[in-house]
Amino acid sequence: MKITVLAFGIAKEIIGQLELTLQLSEEATVADLKSHLVSQFPDFQKLASLRVAVNTDYADDTQLLHSNDEIVLIPPVSGG
């Protein structure tokens, strides 16, 4: 399946663009997405906590993805 991922903050810097289109298996999960991102962009391994939102809700690694899902990478945030 083809999915579109939106990235913000350091995640956007790692992939070099705001939006990324990926080809994943039909039964891909959030964990599969993360593995794919690390294999394509090794700097994702350096992020202590990368969250993924699917259709505006935080998703755990077991959540199945669908081609029409809105997928957003939410990098760790610091500041104060």
Protein backbone atom coordinates (compact mmCIF):
# COMPACT_ATOMS: atom_id res chain seq x y z
CA MET A 1 0.00 0.00 0.00
CA LYS A 2 1.09 3.55 -0.57
CA ILE A 3 0.97 5.87 2.44
CA THR A 4 1.73 9.54 2.95
CA VAL A 5 3.50 10.64 6.09
CA LEU A 6 3.76 14.19 7.43
CA ALA A 7 6.83 15.06 9.50
CA PHE A 8 7.53 17.94 11.86
CA GLY A 9 10.53 19.26 13.79
CA ILE A 10 13.63 17.09 13.73
CA ALA A 11 11.72 14.35 11.87
CA LYS A 12 11.18 16.80 9.00
CA GLU A 13 14.88 17.68 9.06
CA ILE A 14 15.86 14.00 8.92
CA ILE A 15 13.74 13.23 5.86
CA GLY A 16 14.42 16.61 4.26
CA GLN A 17 10.79 17.41 3.50
CA LEU A 18 7.40 17.89 5.12
CA GLU A 19 5.64 15.07 3.28
CA LEU A 20 6.91 11.63 2.34
CA THR A 21 5.20 8.89 0.34
CA LEU A 22 6.15 5.30 1.19
CA GLN A 23 5.25 1.87 -0.11
CA LEU A 24 4.48 -0.61 2.69
CA SER A 25 2.85 -4.05 2.82
CA GLU A 26 -0.94 -4.19 3.03
CA GLU A 27 -0.84 -5.31 6.66
CA ALA A 28 1.79 -2.85 7.85
CA THR A 29 1.77 -1.58 11.42
CA VAL A 30 3.21 1.52 13.05
CA ALA A 31 6.21 -0.64 14.06
CA ASP A 32 6.72 -1.57 10.38
CA LEU A 33 6.59 2.11 9.46
CA LYS A 34 9.21 2.96 12.08
CA SER A 35 11.48 0.13 10.86
CA HIS A 36 11.12 1.33 7.29
CA LEU A 37 11.99 4.88 8.31
CA VAL A 38 15.11 3.73 10.18
CA SER A 39 16.25 1.65 7.21
CA GLN A 40 15.73 4.57 4.83
CA PHE A 41 16.86 7.32 7.23
CA PRO A 42 19.28 5.91 9.87
CA ASP A 43 19.18 9.14 11.91
CA PHE A 44 15.73 8.11 13.18
CA GLN A 45 17.57 5.64 15.46
CA LYS A 46 18.97 8.64 17.35
CA LEU A 47 15.54 9.90 18.41
CA ALA A 48 14.79 8.86 21.97
CA SER A 49 11.03 8.90 21.49
CA LEU A 50 9.35 9.26 18.14
CA ARG A 51 5.56 9.24 18.38
CA VAL A 52 3.24 8.47 15.50
CA ALA A 53 -0.29 9.80 15.19
CA VAL A 54 -2.79 8.07 12.94
CA ASN A 55 -5.94 10.01 12.13
CA THR A 56 -5.22 12.57 14.91
CA ASP A 57 -4.76 9.94 17.67
CA TYR A 58 -1.47 8.70 19.06
CA ALA A 59 -0.88 5.16 17.85
CA ASP A 60 1.03 2.32 19.44
CA ASP A 61 3.35 0.05 17.48
CA THR A 62 0.68 -2.60 16.89
CA GLN A 63 -1.82 -0.36 15.12
CA LEU A 64 -2.53 -1.36 11.52
CA LEU A 65 -2.10 1.30 8.87
CA HIS A 66 -4.39 1.90 5.89
CA SER A 67 -3.67 3.75 2.66
CA ASN A 68 -6.07 6.60 3.46
CA ASP A 69 -4.86 7.20 7.03
CA GLU A 70 -3.42 10.58 8.01
CA ILE A 71 -0.03 9.67 9.47
CA VAL A 72 2.06 12.24 11.34
CA LEU A 73 5.54 11.83 12.83
CA ILE A 74 5.83 13.67 16.13
CA PRO A 75 9.42 13.99 17.32
CA PRO A 76 10.47 14.50 20.93
CA VAL A 77 9.97 18.08 22.08
CA SER A 78 12.20 19.94 24.48
CA GLY A 79 12.25 23.40 25.84
CA GLY A 80 10.86 25.29 28.69
